[in-house]
């Protein structure tokens, strides 16, 4: 695994957190129903879980490549 793959995983997680934070801010200002806000929250949790898992795997592969 190259260091750029690890950097891409970190940057992807950071950008996604920022974008979802902005989206949550906009959704809290607009008059959206609780069902839509709950669905948005579930999607954010799913995407964040996938990105954190990707970051953990990238970190482990990066450490393994440095050891070996």
PDB file of N, CA and C in Angstrom:
ATOM      1  N   UNK A   1       0.846  -1.176   0.000  1.00  0.00           N
ATOM      2  CA  UNK A   1       0.000   0.000   0.000  1.00  0.00           C
ATOM      3  C   UNK A   1       0.889   1.237   0.000  1.00  0.00           C
ATOM      4  N   UNK A   2       0.556   2.161  -0.845  1.00  0.00           N
ATOM      5  CA  UNK A   2       1.362   3.373  -0.929  1.00  0.00           C
ATOM      6  C   UNK A   2       0.872   4.411   0.079  1.00  0.00           C
ATOM      7  N   UNK A   3       1.755   5.318   0.464  1.00  0.00           N
ATOM      8  CA  UNK A   3       1.343   6.379   1.394  1.00  0.00           C
ATOM      9  C   UNK A   3       0.218   7.250   0.840  1.00  0.00           C
ATOM     10  N   UNK A   4       0.134   7.363  -0.485  1.00  0.00           N
ATOM     11  CA  UNK A   4      -0.937   8.182  -1.059  1.00  0.00           C
ATOM     12  C   UNK A   4      -2.310   7.550  -0.829  1.00  0.00           C
ATOM     13  N   UNK A   5      -2.379   6.208  -0.782  1.00  0.00           N
ATOM     14  CA  UNK A   5      -3.649   5.552  -0.475  1.00  0.00           C
ATOM     15  C   UNK A   5      -4.099   5.899   0.937  1.00  0.00           C
ATOM     16  N   UNK A   6      -3.154   5.908   1.860  1.00  0.00           N
ATOM     17  CA  UNK A   6      -3.476   6.263   3.244  1.00  0.00           C
ATOM     18  C   UNK A   6      -3.924   7.719   3.329  1.00  0.00           C
ATOM     19  N   UNK A   7      -3.216   8.602   2.643  1.00  0.00           N
ATOM     20  CA  UNK A   7      -3.586  10.022   2.644  1.00  0.00           C
ATOM     21  C   UNK A   7      -4.974  10.227   2.039  1.00  0.00           C
ATOM     22  N   UNK A   8      -5.282   9.472   0.979  1.00  0.00           N
ATOM     23  CA  UNK A   8      -6.608   9.576   0.369  1.00  0.00           C
ATOM     24  C   UNK A   8      -7.696   9.137   1.337  1.00  0.00           C
ATOM     25  N   UNK A   9      -7.435   8.097   2.120  1.00  0.00           N
ATOM     26  CA  UNK A   9      -8.418   7.631   3.099  1.00  0.00           C
ATOM     27  C   UNK A   9      -8.643   8.684   4.179  1.00  0.00           C
ATOM     28  N   UNK A  10      -7.565   9.296   4.647  1.00  0.00           N
ATOM     29  CA  UNK A  10      -7.685  10.331   5.681  1.00  0.00           C
ATOM     30  C   UNK A  10      -8.421  11.549   5.131  1.00  0.00           C
ATOM     31  N   UNK A  11      -8.052  11.983   3.938  1.00  0.00           N
ATOM     32  CA  UNK A  11      -8.702  13.151   3.347  1.00  0.00           C
ATOM     33  C   UNK A  11     -10.167  12.875   3.030  1.00  0.00           C
ATOM     34  N   UNK A  12     -10.464  11.664   2.570  1.00  0.00           N
ATOM     35  CA  UNK A  12     -11.854  11.310   2.283  1.00  0.00           C
ATOM     36  C   UNK A  12     -12.711  11.360   3.527  1.00  0.00           C
ATOM     37  N   UNK A  13     -12.184  10.867   4.640  1.00  0.00           N
ATOM     38  CA  UNK A  13     -12.926  10.907   5.895  1.00  0.00           C
ATOM     39  C   UNK A  13     -13.131  12.348   6.357  1.00  0.00           C
ATOM     40  N   UNK A  14     -12.088  13.159   6.269  1.00  0.00           N
ATOM     41  CA  UNK A  14     -12.187  14.551   6.723  1.00  0.00           C
ATOM     42  C   UNK A  14     -13.179  15.346   5.878  1.00  0.00           C
ATOM     43  N   UNK A  15     -13.110  15.193   4.576  1.00  0.00           N
ATOM     44  CA  UNK A  15     -14.017  15.928   3.692  1.00  0.00           C
ATOM     45  C   UNK A  15     -15.456  15.480   3.907  1.00  0.00           C
ATOM     46  N   UNK A  16     -15.659  14.187   4.091  1.00  0.00           N
ATOM     47  CA  UNK A  16     -17.015  13.686   4.305  1.00  0.00           C
ATOM     48  C   UNK A  16     -17.591  14.193   5.616  1.00  0.00           C
ATOM     49  N   UNK A  17     -16.780  14.241   6.659  1.00  0.00           N
ATOM     50  CA  UNK A  17     -17.254  14.770   7.941  1.00  0.00           C
ATOM     51  C   UNK A  17     -17.642  16.241   7.796  1.00  0.00           C
ATOM     52  N   UNK A  18     -16.829  17.009   7.086  1.00  0.00           N
ATOM     53  CA  UNK A  18     -17.161  18.422   6.871  1.00  0.00           C
ATOM     54  C   UNK A  18     -18.439  18.598   6.054  1.00  0.00           C
ATOM     55  N   UNK A  19     -18.568  17.818   4.979  1.00  0.00           N
ATOM     56  CA  UNK A  19     -19.752  17.954   4.137  1.00  0.00           C
ATOM     57  C   UNK A  19     -21.018  17.531   4.864  1.00  0.00           C
ATOM     58  N   UNK A  20     -20.939  16.440   5.624  1.00  0.00           N
ATOM     59  CA  UNK A  20     -22.120  16.011   6.365  1.00  0.00           C
ATOM     60  C   UNK A  20     -22.437  16.976   7.505  1.00  0.00           C
ATOM     61  N   UNK A  21     -21.426  17.610   8.061  1.00  0.00           N
ATOM     62  CA  UNK A  21     -21.680  18.640   9.064  1.00  0.00           C
ATOM     63  C   UNK A  21     -22.420  19.823   8.468  1.00  0.00           C
ATOM     64  N   UNK A  22     -21.992  20.246   7.285  1.00  0.00           N
ATOM     65  CA  UNK A  22     -22.704  21.325   6.594  1.00  0.00           C
ATOM     66  C   UNK A  22     -24.126  20.914   6.236  1.00  0.00           C
ATOM     67  N   UNK A  23     -24.281  19.683   5.775  1.00  0.00           N
ATOM     68  CA  UNK A  23     -25.608  19.188   5.421  1.00  0.00           C
ATOM     69  C   UNK A  23     -26.520  19.133   6.640  1.00  0.00           C
ATOM     70  N   UNK A  24     -25.983  18.705   7.772  1.00  0.00           N
ATOM     71  CA  UNK A  24     -26.780  18.666   9.002  1.00  0.00           C
ATOM     72  C   UNK A  24     -27.147  20.077   9.450  1.00  0.00           C
ATOM     73  N   UNK A  25     -26.229  21.015   9.286  1.00  0.00           N
ATOM     74  CA  UNK A  25     -26.530  22.401   9.630  1.00  0.00           C
ATOM     75  C   UNK A  25     -27.634  22.973   8.768  1.00  0.00           C
ATOM     76  N   UNK A  26     -27.579  22.707   7.480  1.00  0.00           N
ATOM     77  CA  UNK A  26     -28.624  23.183   6.572  1.00  0.00           C
ATOM     78  C   UNK A  26     -29.950  22.496   6.887  1.00  0.00           C
ATOM     79  N   UNK A  27     -29.896  21.187   7.159  1.00  0.00           N
ATOM     80  CA  UNK A  27     -31.129  20.450   7.461  1.00  0.00           C
ATOM     81  C   UNK A  27     -31.752  20.919   8.768  1.00  0.00           C
ATOM     82  N   UNK A  28     -30.937  21.361   9.713  1.00  0.00           N
ATOM     83  CA  UNK A  28     -31.501  21.837  10.975  1.00  0.00           C
ATOM     84  C   UNK A  28     -32.137  23.219  10.827  1.00  0.00           C
ATOM     85  N   UNK A  29     -31.689  23.980   9.847  1.00  0.00           N
ATOM     86  CA  UNK A  29     -32.269  25.303   9.609  1.00  0.00           C
ATOM     87  C   UNK A  29     -33.575  25.185   8.820  1.00  0.00           C
ATOM     88  N   UNK A  30     -33.580  24.302   7.825  1.00  0.00           N
ATOM     89  CA  UNK A  30     -34.758  24.166   6.977  1.00  0.00           C
ATOM     90  C   UNK A  30     -35.857  23.392   7.698  1.00  0.00           C
ATOM     91  N   UNK A  31     -37.094  23.666   7.356  1.00  0.00           N
ATOM     92  CA  UNK A  31     -38.203  22.942   7.998  1.00  0.00           C
ATOM     93  C   UNK A  31     -38.416  21.563   7.373  1.00  0.00           C
ATOM     94  N   UNK A  32     -37.576  20.606   7.714  1.00  0.00           N
ATOM     95  CA  UNK A  32     -37.732  19.243   7.206  1.00  0.00           C
ATOM     96  C   UNK A  32     -38.417  18.400   8.268  1.00  0.00           C
ATOM     97  N   UNK A  33     -39.085  17.371   7.815  1.00  0.00           N
ATOM     98  CA  UNK A  33     -39.804  16.524   8.760  1.00  0.00           C
ATOM     99  C   UNK A  33     -38.828  15.629   9.516  1.00  0.00           C
ATOM    100  N   UNK A  34     -39.301  15.082  10.614  1.00  0.00           N
ATOM    101  CA  UNK A  34     -38.460  14.220  11.446  1.00  0.00           C
ATOM    102  C   UNK A  34     -38.073  12.945  10.710  1.00  0.00           C
ATOM    103  N   UNK A  35     -38.935  12.467   9.828  1.00  0.00           N
ATOM    104  CA  UNK A  35     -38.639  11.243   9.076  1.00  0.00           C
ATOM    105  C   UNK A  35     -37.451  11.467   8.151  1.00  0.00           C
ATOM    106  N   UNK A  36     -37.434  12.592   7.461  1.00  0.00           N
ATOM    107  CA  UNK A  36     -36.326  12.896   6.552  1.00  0.00           C
ATOM    108  C   UNK A  36     -35.040  13.100   7.345  1.00  0.00           C
ATOM    109  N   UNK A  37     -35.124  13.796   8.464  1.00  0.00           N
ATOM    110  CA  UNK A  37     -33.937  14.037   9.273  1.00  0.00           C
ATOM    111  C   UNK A  37     -33.399  12.732   9.854  1.00  0.00           C
ATOM    112  N   UNK A  38     -34.293  11.825  10.267  1.00  0.00           N
ATOM    113  CA  UNK A  38     -33.868  10.522  10.785  1.00  0.00           C
ATOM    114  C   UNK A  38     -33.217   9.693   9.687  1.00  0.00           C
ATOM    115  N   UNK A  39     -33.783   9.714   8.495  1.00  0.00           N
ATOM    116  CA  UNK A  39     -33.191   8.984   7.373  1.00  0.00           C
ATOM    117  C   UNK A  39     -31.818   9.550   7.034  1.00  0.00           C
ATOM    118  N   UNK A  40     -31.694  10.869   7.046  1.00  0.00           N
ATOM    119  CA  UNK A  40     -30.401  11.505   6.798  1.00  0.00           C
ATOM    120  C   UNK A  40     -29.385  11.086   7.856  1.00  0.00           C
ATOM    121  N   UNK A  41     -29.819  11.021   9.098  1.00  0.00           N
ATOM    122  CA  UNK A  41     -28.934  10.611  10.181  1.00  0.00           C
ATOM    123  C   UNK A  41     -28.464   9.171   9.988  1.00  0.00           C
ATOM    124  N   UNK A  42     -29.338   8.285   9.558  1.00  0.00           N
ATOM    125  CA  UNK A  42     -28.964   6.891   9.325  1.00  0.00           C
ATOM    126  C   UNK A  42     -27.956   6.778   8.178  1.00  0.00           C
ATOM    127  N   UNK A  43     -28.159   7.553   7.123  1.00  0.00           N
ATOM    128  CA  UNK A  43     -27.223   7.534   5.993  1.00  0.00           C
ATOM    129  C   UNK A  43     -25.858   8.048   6.428  1.00  0.00           C
ATOM    130  N   UNK A  44     -25.843   9.111   7.214  1.00  0.00           N
ATOM    131  CA  UNK A  44     -24.576   9.664   7.703  1.00  0.00           C
ATOM    132  C   UNK A  44     -23.847   8.639   8.563  1.00  0.00           C
ATOM    133  N   UNK A  45     -24.565   7.951   9.429  1.00  0.00           N
ATOM    134  CA  UNK A  45     -23.933   6.931  10.276  1.00  0.00           C
ATOM    135  C   UNK A  45     -23.356   5.797   9.441  1.00  0.00           C
ATOM    136  N   UNK A  46     -24.082   5.369   8.404  1.00  0.00           N
ATOM    137  CA  UNK A  46     -23.605   4.289   7.545  1.00  0.00           C
ATOM    138  C   UNK A  46     -22.345   4.700   6.792  1.00  0.00           C
ATOM    139  N   UNK A  47     -22.367   5.877   6.193  1.00  0.00           N
ATOM    140  CA  UNK A  47     -21.204   6.350   5.433  1.00  0.00           C
ATOM    141  C   UNK A  47     -20.012   6.575   6.356  1.00  0.00           C
ATOM    142  N   UNK A  48     -20.244   7.139   7.527  1.00  0.00           N
ATOM    143  CA  UNK A  48     -19.143   7.357   8.469  1.00  0.00           C
ATOM    144  C   UNK A  48     -18.545   6.038   8.930  1.00  0.00           C
ATOM    145  N   UNK A  49     -19.377   5.032   9.158  1.00  0.00           N
ATOM    146  CA  UNK A  49     -18.872   3.715   9.556  1.00  0.00           C
ATOM    147  C   UNK A  49     -18.012   3.111   8.459  1.00  0.00           C
ATOM    148  N   UNK A  50     -18.460   3.210   7.222  1.00  0.00           N
ATOM    149  CA  UNK A  50     -17.683   2.675   6.099  1.00  0.00           C
ATOM    150  C   UNK A  50     -16.353   3.407   5.968  1.00  0.00           C
ATOM    151  N   UNK A  51     -16.366   4.734   6.097  1.00  0.00           N
ATOM    152  CA  UNK A  51     -15.128   5.501   5.956  1.00  0.00           C
ATOM    153  C   UNK A  51     -14.156   5.240   7.102  1.00  0.00           C
ATOM    154  N   UNK A  52     -14.670   5.085   8.308  1.00  0.00           N
ATOM    155  CA  UNK A  52     -13.786   4.771   9.436  1.00  0.00           C
ATOM    156  C   UNK A  52     -13.188   3.387   9.256  1.00  0.00           C
ATOM    157  N   UNK A  53     -13.992   2.425   8.790  1.00  0.00           N
ATOM    158  CA  UNK A  53     -13.475   1.087   8.513  1.00  0.00           C
ATOM    159  C   UNK A  53     -12.390   1.151   7.437  1.00  0.00           C
ATOM    160  N   UNK A  54     -12.617   1.943   6.394  1.00  0.00           N
ATOM    161  CA  UNK A  54     -11.622   2.118   5.336  1.00  0.00           C
ATOM    162  C   UNK A  54     -10.336   2.723   5.890  1.00  0.00           C
ATOM    163  N   UNK A  55     -10.460   3.693   6.783  1.00  0.00           N
ATOM    164  CA  UNK A  55      -9.285   4.321   7.383  1.00  0.00           C
ATOM    165  C   UNK A  55      -8.515   3.332   8.255  1.00  0.00           C
ATOM    166  N   UNK A  56      -9.235   2.508   9.014  1.00  0.00           N
ATOM    167  CA  UNK A  56      -8.571   1.510   9.860  1.00  0.00           C
ATOM    168  C   UNK A  56      -7.827   0.496   9.002  1.00  0.00           C
ATOM    169  N   UNK A  57      -8.470   0.003   7.947  1.00  0.00           N
ATOM    170  CA  UNK A  57      -7.814  -0.954   7.052  1.00  0.00           C
ATOM    171  C   UNK A  57      -6.601  -0.312   6.389  1.00  0.00           C
ATOM    172  N   UNK A  58      -6.730   0.929   5.938  1.00  0.00           N
ATOM    173  CA  UNK A  58      -5.605   1.620   5.306  1.00  0.00           C
ATOM    174  C   UNK A  58      -4.453   1.804   6.288  1.00  0.00           C
ATOM    175  N   UNK A  59      -4.770   2.122   7.537  1.00  0.00           N
ATOM    176  CA  UNK A  59      -3.731   2.284   8.555  1.00  0.00           C
ATOM    177  C   UNK A  59      -3.015   0.968   8.812  1.00  0.00           C
ATOM    178  N   UNK A  60      -3.781  -0.110   8.941  1.00  0.00           N
ATOM    179  CA  UNK A  60      -3.161  -1.420   9.171  1.00  0.00           C
ATOM    180  C   UNK A  60      -2.282  -1.836   7.999  1.00  0.00           C
ATOM    181  N   UNK A  61      -2.769  -1.650   6.783  1.00  0.00           N
ATOM    182  CA  UNK A  61      -1.966  -2.009   5.615  1.00  0.00           C
ATOM    183  C   UNK A  61      -0.723  -1.135   5.504  1.00  0.00           C
ATOM    184  N   UNK A  62      -0.837   0.119   5.874  1.00  0.00           N
ATOM    185  CA  UNK A  62       0.315   1.014   5.852  1.00  0.00           C
ATOM    186  C   UNK A  62       1.359   0.567   6.871  1.00  0.00           C
ATOM    187  N   UNK A  63       0.910   0.180   8.064  1.00  0.00           N
ATOM    188  CA  UNK A  63       1.846  -0.304   9.082  1.00  0.00           C
ATOM    189  C   UNK A  63       2.500  -1.614   8.668  1.00  0.00           C
ATOM    190  N   UNK A  64       1.721  -2.508   8.072  1.00  0.00           N
ATOM    191  CA  UNK A  64       2.272  -3.791   7.624  1.00  0.00           C
ATOM    192  C   UNK A  64       3.313  -3.572   6.536  1.00  0.00           C
ATOM    193  N   UNK A  65       3.040  -2.636   5.615  1.00  0.00           N
ATOM    194  CA  UNK A  65       4.002  -2.396   4.541  1.00  0.00           C
ATOM    195  C   UNK A  65       5.289  -1.767   5.071  1.00  0.00           C
ATOM    196  N   UNK A  66       5.209  -0.991   6.159  1.00  0.00           N
ATOM    197  CA  UNK A  66       6.423  -0.409   6.731  1.00  0.00           C
ATOM    198  C   UNK A  66       7.233  -1.454   7.486  1.00  0.00           C
ATOM    199  N   UNK A  67       6.556  -2.420   8.095  1.00  0.00           N
ATOM    200  CA  UNK A  67       7.264  -3.470   8.836  1.00  0.00           C
ATOM    201  C   UNK A  67       7.957  -4.422   7.873  1.00  0.00           C
ATOM    202  N   UNK A  68       7.226  -4.831   6.829  1.00  0.00           N
ATOM    203  CA  UNK A  68       7.753  -5.839   5.907  1.00  0.00           C
ATOM    204  C   UNK A  68       8.543  -5.268   4.832  1.00  0.00           C
TER     205      UNK A  68
END
